Structures are given as C-alpha cells and as structure tokens.
Amino acid sequence: MLFLNKNKFIAVIFWLLSAVIMVLIFNFSAATGDESEELSQDLLTKIIEFIGNFISHNTLRKLAHFSEFAALGFCVTGAIHYTFGKRKFYLPLIPCVLYAISDEIHQHFVPERACRLFDMFVDSCGIMTGIGIFLLFIFIISKIVKKKEL
C-alpha cells in the first residue's frame, strides 16, 4: 500500500483539481457560439433575478474567462508548490498561459467561435491573479506558523 505524506497528498489533490479545471475549460470552449451564448445568457438571467441588472452579457463572459483561468492558476500553483516546494510565480505561469493560448486556438476551430487576443489577455490576468492569491495564502500561513513556533 502506498502512503503519501501530507504535502504529497495535497499535491495530488491540486493536480487533480487542475486537470478537472482544464477539462471544464476545454468543454466550455468546445461549445458552439450558439450553445455558449445560451449558457451565458441563462446564467446572466439568474444573476439578474438574484441581485439585479448590473452586468452586461459581454462583461459576464469576460468574467467567466478570468475566473476559470484564475482557478487554474491557483490550482497549478498549489500543485507545483506542494510537489516541488517552489514559490516562484513564473513556474505555473508558463504552462497556464500556454494552455490559455491553446484554448483560444481551439476556439478558432469551433463553429461560431473565434480566437481572440483580448481573451488571451483576460485569461492571463486571471492566471496571474490565481497565482497571486495562492502565494498570498502561503505567505500568510507561513507567518502564522512562525508565530506559533515562537
């Protein structure tokens, strides 16, 4: 039987979450323009019913791009941190940005979708935000642990 230490177990969880997010992103990108439009319009309708009409359809779509890639950046950073013990922001940035680029290229081949440079920028901003949030959490946790050790 294989026993993993706590950090390796957490690393496996982060790698699995990263893979799940990548599959979700791929599936969202594989939807045709009409399917994607319908999904985001349904979500926008629910948001408007819940908190009011304060966001446009286009803004919602950009927030979705940003959010899904922020989650990816967060999880890949966690996976790298707990696998290799590295806190370097560029290590997860490179594969995540390459995935964002491949996602936009993938959309080029989906009916009624397009490969947009601006979406790559939004995705990259999301990635950097996710990485930053993870590194901030680790920084705060390390400060708390150090205080407890004193």
N, C-alpha and C. Protein backbone atom coordinates (compact mmCIF):
# COMPACT_ATOMS: atom_id res chain seq x y z
N MET A 1 0.84 -1.18 0.00
CA MET A 1 0.00 0.00 0.00
C MET A 1 0.88 1.24 0.00
N LEU A 2 0.49 2.22 -0.79
CA LEU A 2 1.27 3.44 -0.93
C LEU A 2 0.76 4.47 0.07
N PHE A 3 1.68 4.99 0.87
CA PHE A 3 1.33 6.04 1.82
C PHE A 3 1.99 7.34 1.38
N LEU A 4 1.19 8.37 1.28
CA LEU A 4 1.70 9.67 0.90
C LEU A 4 1.81 10.55 2.13
N ASN A 5 2.87 11.37 2.19
CA ASN A 5 2.91 12.34 3.27
C ASN A 5 1.89 13.43 2.97
N LYS A 6 1.66 14.29 3.94
CA LYS A 6 0.61 15.31 3.82
C LYS A 6 0.82 16.20 2.59
N ASN A 7 2.04 16.68 2.36
CA ASN A 7 2.30 17.56 1.22
C ASN A 7 2.06 16.86 -0.11
N LYS A 8 2.45 15.60 -0.22
CA LYS A 8 2.24 14.88 -1.49
C LYS A 8 0.76 14.63 -1.73
N PHE A 9 0.01 14.37 -0.66
CA PHE A 9 -1.43 14.18 -0.79
C PHE A 9 -2.08 15.48 -1.28
N ILE A 10 -1.68 16.60 -0.68
CA ILE A 10 -2.22 17.89 -1.12
C ILE A 10 -1.82 18.16 -2.57
N ALA A 11 -0.59 17.80 -2.95
CA ALA A 11 -0.15 17.98 -4.34
C ALA A 11 -1.03 17.20 -5.30
N VAL A 12 -1.35 15.96 -4.95
CA VAL A 12 -2.22 15.13 -5.80
C VAL A 12 -3.58 15.79 -5.95
N ILE A 13 -4.12 16.31 -4.86
CA ILE A 13 -5.42 16.99 -4.93
C ILE A 13 -5.34 18.19 -5.87
N PHE A 14 -4.29 18.99 -5.73
CA PHE A 14 -4.14 20.17 -6.61
C PHE A 14 -3.96 19.77 -8.07
N TRP A 15 -3.19 18.70 -8.35
CA TRP A 15 -3.04 18.23 -9.73
C TRP A 15 -4.37 17.77 -10.29
N LEU A 16 -5.15 17.05 -9.48
CA LEU A 16 -6.47 16.58 -9.93
C LEU A 16 -7.41 17.76 -10.19
N LEU A 17 -7.42 18.72 -9.29
CA LEU A 17 -8.25 19.91 -9.49
C LEU A 17 -7.83 20.66 -10.75
N SER A 18 -6.53 20.76 -10.99
CA SER A 18 -6.03 21.42 -12.20
C SER A 18 -6.53 20.71 -13.45
N ALA A 19 -6.47 19.38 -13.43
CA ALA A 19 -6.95 18.60 -14.59
C ALA A 19 -8.45 18.79 -14.79
N VAL A 20 -9.21 18.79 -13.71
CA VAL A 20 -10.67 18.99 -13.82
C VAL A 20 -10.97 20.36 -14.41
N ILE A 21 -10.27 21.38 -13.94
CA ILE A 21 -10.49 22.74 -14.47
C ILE A 21 -10.13 22.80 -15.95
N MET A 22 -9.04 22.15 -16.33
CA MET A 22 -8.65 22.15 -17.75
C MET A 22 -9.70 21.46 -18.61
N VAL A 23 -10.26 20.39 -18.11
CA VAL A 23 -11.33 19.69 -18.86
C VAL A 23 -12.56 20.59 -18.97
N LEU A 24 -12.92 21.26 -17.87
CA LEU A 24 -14.07 22.17 -17.92
C LEU A 24 -13.84 23.30 -18.93
N ILE A 25 -12.65 23.88 -18.89
CA ILE A 25 -12.32 24.95 -19.85
C ILE A 25 -12.42 24.43 -21.28
N PHE A 26 -11.86 23.24 -21.51
CA PHE A 26 -11.92 22.66 -22.85
C PHE A 26 -13.37 22.46 -23.29
N ASN A 27 -14.20 21.93 -22.39
CA ASN A 27 -15.60 21.69 -22.73
C ASN A 27 -16.36 22.98 -22.99
N PHE A 28 -16.10 24.02 -22.19
CA PHE A 28 -16.74 25.32 -22.45
C PHE A 28 -16.32 25.84 -23.82
N SER A 29 -15.05 25.67 -24.17
CA SER A 29 -14.55 26.16 -25.45
C SER A 29 -15.03 25.33 -26.63
N ALA A 30 -15.41 24.09 -26.37
CA ALA A 30 -15.89 23.22 -27.45
C ALA A 30 -17.34 23.51 -27.81
N ALA A 31 -18.04 24.27 -26.97
CA ALA A 31 -19.43 24.61 -27.26
C ALA A 31 -19.47 25.58 -28.44
N THR A 32 -20.44 25.38 -29.32
CA THR A 32 -20.59 26.29 -30.45
C THR A 32 -20.96 27.68 -29.93
N GLY A 33 -20.89 28.65 -30.80
CA GLY A 33 -21.23 30.02 -30.41
C GLY A 33 -22.63 30.12 -29.84
N ASP A 34 -23.59 29.44 -30.49
CA ASP A 34 -24.98 29.47 -30.01
C ASP A 34 -25.11 28.82 -28.64
N GLU A 35 -24.45 27.68 -28.45
CA GLU A 35 -24.52 26.98 -27.16
C GLU A 35 -23.88 27.82 -26.06
N SER A 36 -22.74 28.41 -26.35
CA SER A 36 -22.05 29.25 -25.37
C SER A 36 -22.89 30.47 -25.03
N GLU A 37 -23.48 31.07 -26.03
CA GLU A 37 -24.34 32.24 -25.85
C GLU A 37 -25.53 31.89 -24.96
N GLU A 38 -26.14 30.76 -25.23
CA GLU A 38 -27.31 30.33 -24.44
C GLU A 38 -26.93 30.08 -22.98
N LEU A 39 -25.80 29.41 -22.76
CA LEU A 39 -25.34 29.14 -21.40
C LEU A 39 -25.08 30.43 -20.63
N SER A 40 -24.35 31.36 -21.24
CA SER A 40 -24.04 32.60 -20.53
C SER A 40 -25.29 33.46 -20.36
N GLN A 41 -26.21 33.42 -21.32
CA GLN A 41 -27.45 34.19 -21.20
C GLN A 41 -28.31 33.64 -20.06
N ASP A 42 -28.37 32.30 -19.93
CA ASP A 42 -29.11 31.68 -18.83
C ASP A 42 -28.51 32.08 -17.48
N LEU A 43 -27.18 32.07 -17.40
CA LEU A 43 -26.50 32.46 -16.17
C LEU A 43 -26.75 33.93 -15.86
N LEU A 44 -26.69 34.77 -16.87
CA LEU A 44 -26.94 36.20 -16.68
C LEU A 44 -28.37 36.43 -16.18
N THR A 45 -29.32 35.71 -16.72
CA THR A 45 -30.71 35.84 -16.28
C THR A 45 -30.84 35.49 -14.80
N LYS A 46 -30.17 34.42 -14.37
CA LYS A 46 -30.21 34.01 -12.96
C LYS A 46 -29.55 35.06 -12.07
N ILE A 47 -28.44 35.63 -12.53
CA ILE A 47 -27.76 36.67 -11.75
C ILE A 47 -28.66 37.89 -11.61
N ILE A 48 -29.29 38.29 -12.70
CA ILE A 48 -30.18 39.45 -12.66
C ILE A 48 -31.35 39.20 -11.72
N GLU A 49 -31.91 37.98 -11.73
CA GLU A 49 -33.01 37.65 -10.83
C GLU A 49 -32.56 37.72 -9.38
N PHE A 50 -31.31 37.33 -9.11
CA PHE A 50 -30.82 37.25 -7.74
C PHE A 50 -30.38 38.60 -7.18
N ILE A 51 -29.60 39.36 -7.96
CA ILE A 51 -29.03 40.60 -7.41
C ILE A 51 -29.29 41.84 -8.25
N GLY A 52 -30.01 41.72 -9.31
CA GLY A 52 -30.34 42.91 -10.10
C GLY A 52 -29.50 43.01 -11.36
N ASN A 53 -29.93 43.91 -12.23
CA ASN A 53 -29.30 44.10 -13.53
C ASN A 53 -28.15 45.09 -13.42
N PHE A 54 -26.94 44.57 -13.23
CA PHE A 54 -25.79 45.45 -13.08
C PHE A 54 -24.63 45.05 -13.99
N ILE A 55 -24.80 43.99 -14.76
CA ILE A 55 -23.68 43.48 -15.55
C ILE A 55 -24.16 43.16 -16.97
N SER A 56 -23.33 43.47 -17.93
CA SER A 56 -23.69 43.18 -19.31
C SER A 56 -23.31 41.74 -19.66
N HIS A 57 -23.88 41.26 -20.73
CA HIS A 57 -23.60 39.90 -21.20
C HIS A 57 -22.11 39.75 -21.54
N ASN A 58 -21.55 40.73 -22.22
CA ASN A 58 -20.14 40.66 -22.60
C ASN A 58 -19.23 40.68 -21.37
N THR A 59 -19.57 41.51 -20.39
CA THR A 59 -18.78 41.56 -19.15
C THR A 59 -18.83 40.23 -18.43
N LEU A 60 -20.01 39.61 -18.39
CA LEU A 60 -20.15 38.29 -17.76
C LEU A 60 -19.25 37.27 -18.44
N ARG A 61 -19.20 37.29 -19.76
CA ARG A 61 -18.36 36.33 -20.50
C ARG A 61 -16.87 36.56 -20.18
N LYS A 62 -16.46 37.82 -20.09
CA LYS A 62 -15.06 38.11 -19.76
C LYS A 62 -14.75 37.70 -18.32
N LEU A 63 -15.69 37.92 -17.41
CA LEU A 63 -15.50 37.48 -16.02
C LEU A 63 -15.39 35.95 -15.94
N ALA A 64 -16.14 35.26 -16.79
CA ALA A 64 -16.05 33.80 -16.82
C ALA A 64 -14.66 33.37 -17.27
N HIS A 65 -14.16 33.99 -18.33
CA HIS A 65 -12.79 33.71 -18.80
C HIS A 65 -11.80 33.95 -17.66
N PHE A 66 -11.90 35.12 -17.05
CA PHE A 66 -10.99 35.50 -15.97
C PHE A 66 -11.06 34.49 -14.82
N SER A 67 -12.25 34.15 -14.40
CA SER A 67 -12.45 33.28 -13.23
C SER A 67 -11.95 31.87 -13.45
N GLU A 68 -12.27 31.29 -14.61
CA GLU A 68 -11.84 29.90 -14.83
C GLU A 68 -10.31 29.81 -14.91
N PHE A 69 -9.67 30.81 -15.46
CA PHE A 69 -8.21 30.79 -15.52
C PHE A 69 -7.57 31.21 -14.20
N ALA A 70 -8.26 32.01 -13.39
CA ALA A 70 -7.77 32.30 -12.04
C ALA A 70 -7.76 31.01 -11.22
N ALA A 71 -8.82 30.23 -11.36
CA ALA A 71 -8.88 28.93 -10.66
C ALA A 71 -7.76 28.02 -11.13
N LEU A 72 -7.51 28.01 -12.43
CA LEU A 72 -6.43 27.18 -12.96
C LEU A 72 -5.08 27.65 -12.42
N GLY A 73 -4.83 28.95 -12.44
CA GLY A 73 -3.58 29.48 -11.91
C GLY A 73 -3.38 29.13 -10.44
N PHE A 74 -4.45 29.25 -9.67
CA PHE A 74 -4.40 28.91 -8.25
C PHE A 74 -4.04 27.43 -8.05
N CYS A 75 -4.73 26.55 -8.76
CA CYS A 75 -4.52 25.11 -8.57
C CYS A 75 -3.17 24.63 -9.10
N VAL A 76 -2.75 25.13 -10.24
CA VAL A 76 -1.43 24.73 -10.77
C VAL A 76 -0.32 25.24 -9.85
N THR A 77 -0.49 26.44 -9.30
CA THR A 77 0.50 26.95 -8.35
C THR A 77 0.55 26.07 -7.11
N GLY A 78 -0.61 25.65 -6.61
CA GLY A 78 -0.65 24.73 -5.48
C GLY A 78 -0.01 23.41 -5.80
N ALA A 79 -0.28 22.89 -6.98
CA ALA A 79 0.31 21.61 -7.39
C ALA A 79 1.83 21.70 -7.44
N ILE A 80 2.34 22.76 -8.05
CA ILE A 80 3.79 22.93 -8.16
C ILE A 80 4.41 23.17 -6.77
N HIS A 81 3.75 23.97 -5.98
CA HIS A 81 4.27 24.27 -4.64
C HIS A 81 4.37 22.99 -3.80
N TYR A 82 3.32 22.20 -3.77
CA TYR A 82 3.32 21.01 -2.92
C TYR A 82 4.08 19.83 -3.53
N THR A 83 4.33 19.87 -4.83
CA THR A 83 5.12 18.82 -5.46
C THR A 83 6.61 19.11 -5.35
N PHE A 84 6.99 20.35 -5.67
CA PHE A 84 8.41 20.70 -5.76
C PHE A 84 8.88 21.66 -4.67
N GLY A 85 7.94 22.20 -3.88
CA GLY A 85 8.33 23.14 -2.83
C GLY A 85 8.77 24.49 -3.37
N LYS A 86 8.30 24.84 -4.54
CA LYS A 86 8.72 26.10 -5.17
C LYS A 86 7.63 27.16 -5.02
N ARG A 87 8.06 28.40 -4.76
CA ARG A 87 7.13 29.52 -4.65
C ARG A 87 7.41 30.56 -5.73
N LYS A 88 7.88 30.15 -6.84
CA LYS A 88 8.21 31.06 -7.92
C LYS A 88 6.96 31.23 -8.81
N PHE A 89 6.56 32.49 -9.01
CA PHE A 89 5.33 32.76 -9.75
C PHE A 89 5.39 32.32 -11.21
N TYR A 90 6.57 32.33 -11.80
CA TYR A 90 6.68 32.04 -13.24
C TYR A 90 6.56 30.55 -13.54
N LEU A 91 6.80 29.68 -12.57
CA LEU A 91 6.70 28.24 -12.84
C LEU A 91 5.28 27.83 -13.25
N PRO A 92 4.24 28.23 -12.54
CA PRO A 92 2.90 27.89 -13.01
C PRO A 92 2.41 28.82 -14.12
N LEU A 93 2.99 30.01 -14.21
CA LEU A 93 2.55 30.97 -15.22
C LEU A 93 2.75 30.43 -16.64
N ILE A 94 3.89 29.83 -16.88
CA ILE A 94 4.23 29.37 -18.22
C ILE A 94 3.24 28.32 -18.74
N PRO A 95 3.03 27.20 -18.03
CA PRO A 95 2.08 26.21 -18.58
C PRO A 95 0.64 26.73 -18.64
N CYS A 96 0.27 27.58 -17.68
CA CYS A 96 -1.11 28.10 -17.69
C CYS A 96 -1.34 29.03 -18.88
N VAL A 97 -0.38 29.91 -19.16
CA VAL A 97 -0.53 30.82 -20.30
C VAL A 97 -0.52 30.02 -21.60
N LEU A 98 0.33 29.01 -21.68
CA LEU A 98 0.32 28.15 -22.88
C LEU A 98 -1.03 27.47 -23.04
N TYR A 99 -1.65 27.07 -21.94
CA TYR A 99 -2.98 26.46 -22.02
C TYR A 99 -4.01 27.49 -22.48
N ALA A 100 -3.91 28.72 -22.00
CA ALA A 100 -4.83 29.77 -22.42
C ALA A 100 -4.70 30.02 -23.92
N ILE A 101 -3.48 30.04 -24.42
CA ILE A 101 -3.26 30.23 -25.85
C ILE A 101 -3.85 29.06 -26.63
N SER A 102 -3.61 27.84 -26.15
CA SER A 102 -4.15 26.67 -26.85
C SER A 102 -5.68 26.66 -26.81
N ASP A 103 -6.26 27.19 -25.73
CA ASP A 103 -7.71 27.27 -25.61
C ASP A 103 -8.28 28.21 -26.68
N GLU A 104 -7.65 29.35 -26.86
CA GLU A 104 -8.12 30.28 -27.88
C GLU A 104 -7.94 29.71 -29.29
N ILE A 105 -6.84 29.03 -29.52
CA ILE A 105 -6.64 28.39 -30.83
C ILE A 105 -7.71 27.32 -31.05
N HIS A 106 -8.02 26.56 -30.02
CA HIS A 106 -9.08 25.55 -30.09
C HIS A 106 -10.40 26.21 -30.50
N GLN A 107 -10.72 27.37 -29.92
CA GLN A 107 -11.99 28.03 -30.24
C GLN A 107 -12.05 28.48 -31.70
N HIS A 108 -10.89 28.72 -32.29
CA HIS A 108 -10.86 29.10 -33.71
C HIS A 108 -11.50 28.03 -34.59
N PHE A 109 -11.41 26.77 -34.18
CA PHE A 109 -11.92 25.66 -34.97
C PHE A 109 -13.34 25.23 -34.59
N VAL A 110 -13.94 25.93 -33.63
CA VAL A 110 -15.31 25.62 -33.19
C VAL A 110 -16.26 26.56 -33.93
N PRO A 111 -17.35 26.01 -34.49
CA PRO A 111 -18.30 26.85 -35.23
C PRO A 111 -18.79 28.05 -34.39
N GLU A 112 -18.81 29.19 -35.02
CA GLU A 112 -19.30 30.44 -34.45
C GLU A 112 -18.45 30.94 -33.27
N ARG A 113 -17.24 30.46 -33.14
CA ARG A 113 -16.33 30.93 -32.09
C ARG A 113 -15.12 31.54 -32.76
N ALA A 114 -14.28 32.21 -31.99
CA ALA A 114 -13.13 32.89 -32.57
C ALA A 114 -11.94 32.83 -31.61
N CYS A 115 -10.78 33.00 -32.18
CA CYS A 115 -9.53 33.10 -31.42
C CYS A 115 -9.26 34.59 -31.22
N ARG A 116 -9.37 35.05 -29.96
CA ARG A 116 -9.24 36.49 -29.69
C ARG A 116 -8.04 36.76 -28.79
N LEU A 117 -7.22 37.68 -29.23
CA LEU A 117 -6.05 38.10 -28.45
C LEU A 117 -6.48 38.70 -27.11
N PHE A 118 -7.56 39.48 -27.12
CA PHE A 118 -8.03 40.09 -25.88
C PHE A 118 -8.42 39.02 -24.85
N ASP A 119 -9.03 37.93 -25.30
CA ASP A 119 -9.39 36.84 -24.38
C ASP A 119 -8.14 36.19 -23.79
N MET A 120 -7.07 36.08 -24.58
CA MET A 120 -5.81 35.56 -24.05
C MET A 120 -5.28 36.48 -22.96
N PHE A 121 -5.44 37.79 -23.16
CA PHE A 121 -5.02 38.76 -22.15
C PHE A 121 -5.86 38.60 -20.88
N VAL A 122 -7.17 38.50 -21.02
CA VAL A 122 -8.07 38.33 -19.87
C VAL A 122 -7.72 37.03 -19.13
N ASP A 123 -7.51 35.96 -19.90
CA ASP A 123 -7.14 34.67 -19.30
C ASP A 123 -5.83 34.80 -18.52
N SER A 124 -4.85 35.48 -19.10
CA SER A 124 -3.55 35.64 -18.45
C SER A 124 -3.66 36.48 -17.18
N CYS A 125 -4.51 37.50 -17.20
CA CYS A 125 -4.74 38.29 -15.98
C CYS A 125 -5.38 37.41 -14.90
N GLY A 126 -6.31 36.55 -15.30
CA GLY A 126 -6.90 35.61 -14.35
C GLY A 126 -5.86 34.66 -13.78
N ILE A 127 -5.00 34.15 -14.63
CA ILE A 127 -3.94 33.24 -14.20
C ILE A 127 -3.05 33.93 -13.16
N MET A 128 -2.61 35.15 -13.47
CA MET A 128 -1.73 35.87 -12.54
C MET A 128 -2.44 36.17 -11.22
N THR A 129 -3.73 36.43 -11.28
CA THR A 129 -4.50 36.67 -10.06
C THR A 129 -4.57 35.40 -9.22
N GLY A 130 -4.86 34.26 -9.85
CA GLY A 130 -4.90 32.99 -9.13
C GLY A 130 -3.56 32.64 -8.50
N ILE A 131 -2.49 32.86 -9.25
CA ILE A 131 -1.14 32.61 -8.71
C ILE A 131 -0.89 33.53 -7.52
N GLY A 132 -1.21 34.80 -7.67
CA GLY A 132 -1.00 35.76 -6.59
C GLY A 132 -1.79 35.42 -5.34
N ILE A 133 -3.03 34.99 -5.51
CA ILE A 133 -3.84 34.62 -4.35
C ILE A 133 -3.24 33.42 -3.64
N PHE A 134 -2.80 32.42 -4.40
CA PHE A 134 -2.19 31.24 -3.76
C PHE A 134 -0.93 31.64 -3.00
N LEU A 135 -0.06 32.41 -3.64
CA LEU A 135 1.19 32.82 -2.98
C LEU A 135 0.92 33.68 -1.75
N LEU A 136 -0.13 34.51 -1.81
CA LEU A 136 -0.50 35.30 -0.65
C LEU A 136 -0.97 34.39 0.50
N PHE A 137 -1.79 33.39 0.19
CA PHE A 137 -2.22 32.42 1.21
C PHE A 137 -1.03 31.73 1.85
N ILE A 138 -0.10 31.28 1.02
CA ILE A 138 1.08 30.58 1.55
C ILE A 138 1.90 31.52 2.44
N PHE A 139 2.05 32.76 2.02
CA PHE A 139 2.79 33.74 2.80
C PHE A 139 2.13 33.95 4.16
N ILE A 140 0.81 34.13 4.16
CA ILE A 140 0.08 34.35 5.41
C ILE A 140 0.16 33.12 6.31
N ILE A 141 -0.02 31.95 5.73
CA ILE A 141 0.05 30.71 6.52
C ILE A 141 1.45 30.54 7.13
N SER A 142 2.50 30.83 6.35
CA SER A 142 3.86 30.69 6.88
C SER A 142 4.10 31.67 8.02
N LYS A 143 3.55 32.87 7.96
CA LYS A 143 3.69 33.85 9.04
C LYS A 143 2.96 33.36 10.30
N ILE A 144 1.78 32.79 10.13
CA ILE A 144 1.02 32.26 11.26
C ILE A 144 1.78 31.10 11.91
N VAL A 145 2.31 30.21 11.10
CA VAL A 145 3.06 29.07 11.64
C VAL A 145 4.30 29.54 12.39
N LYS A 146 5.00 30.51 11.84
CA LYS A 146 6.20 31.04 12.51
C LYS A 146 5.86 31.66 13.86
N LYS A 147 4.73 32.37 13.93
CA LYS A 147 4.32 32.98 15.20
C LYS A 147 4.00 31.90 16.24
N LYS A 148 3.39 30.80 15.81
CA LYS A 148 3.05 29.72 16.73
C LYS A 148 4.30 29.01 17.24
N GLU A 149 5.35 28.99 16.42
CA GLU A 149 6.60 28.32 16.80
C GLU A 149 7.38 29.13 17.82
N LEU A 150 7.14 30.42 17.92
CA LEU A 150 7.87 31.28 18.85
C LEU A 150 7.43 31.12 20.27
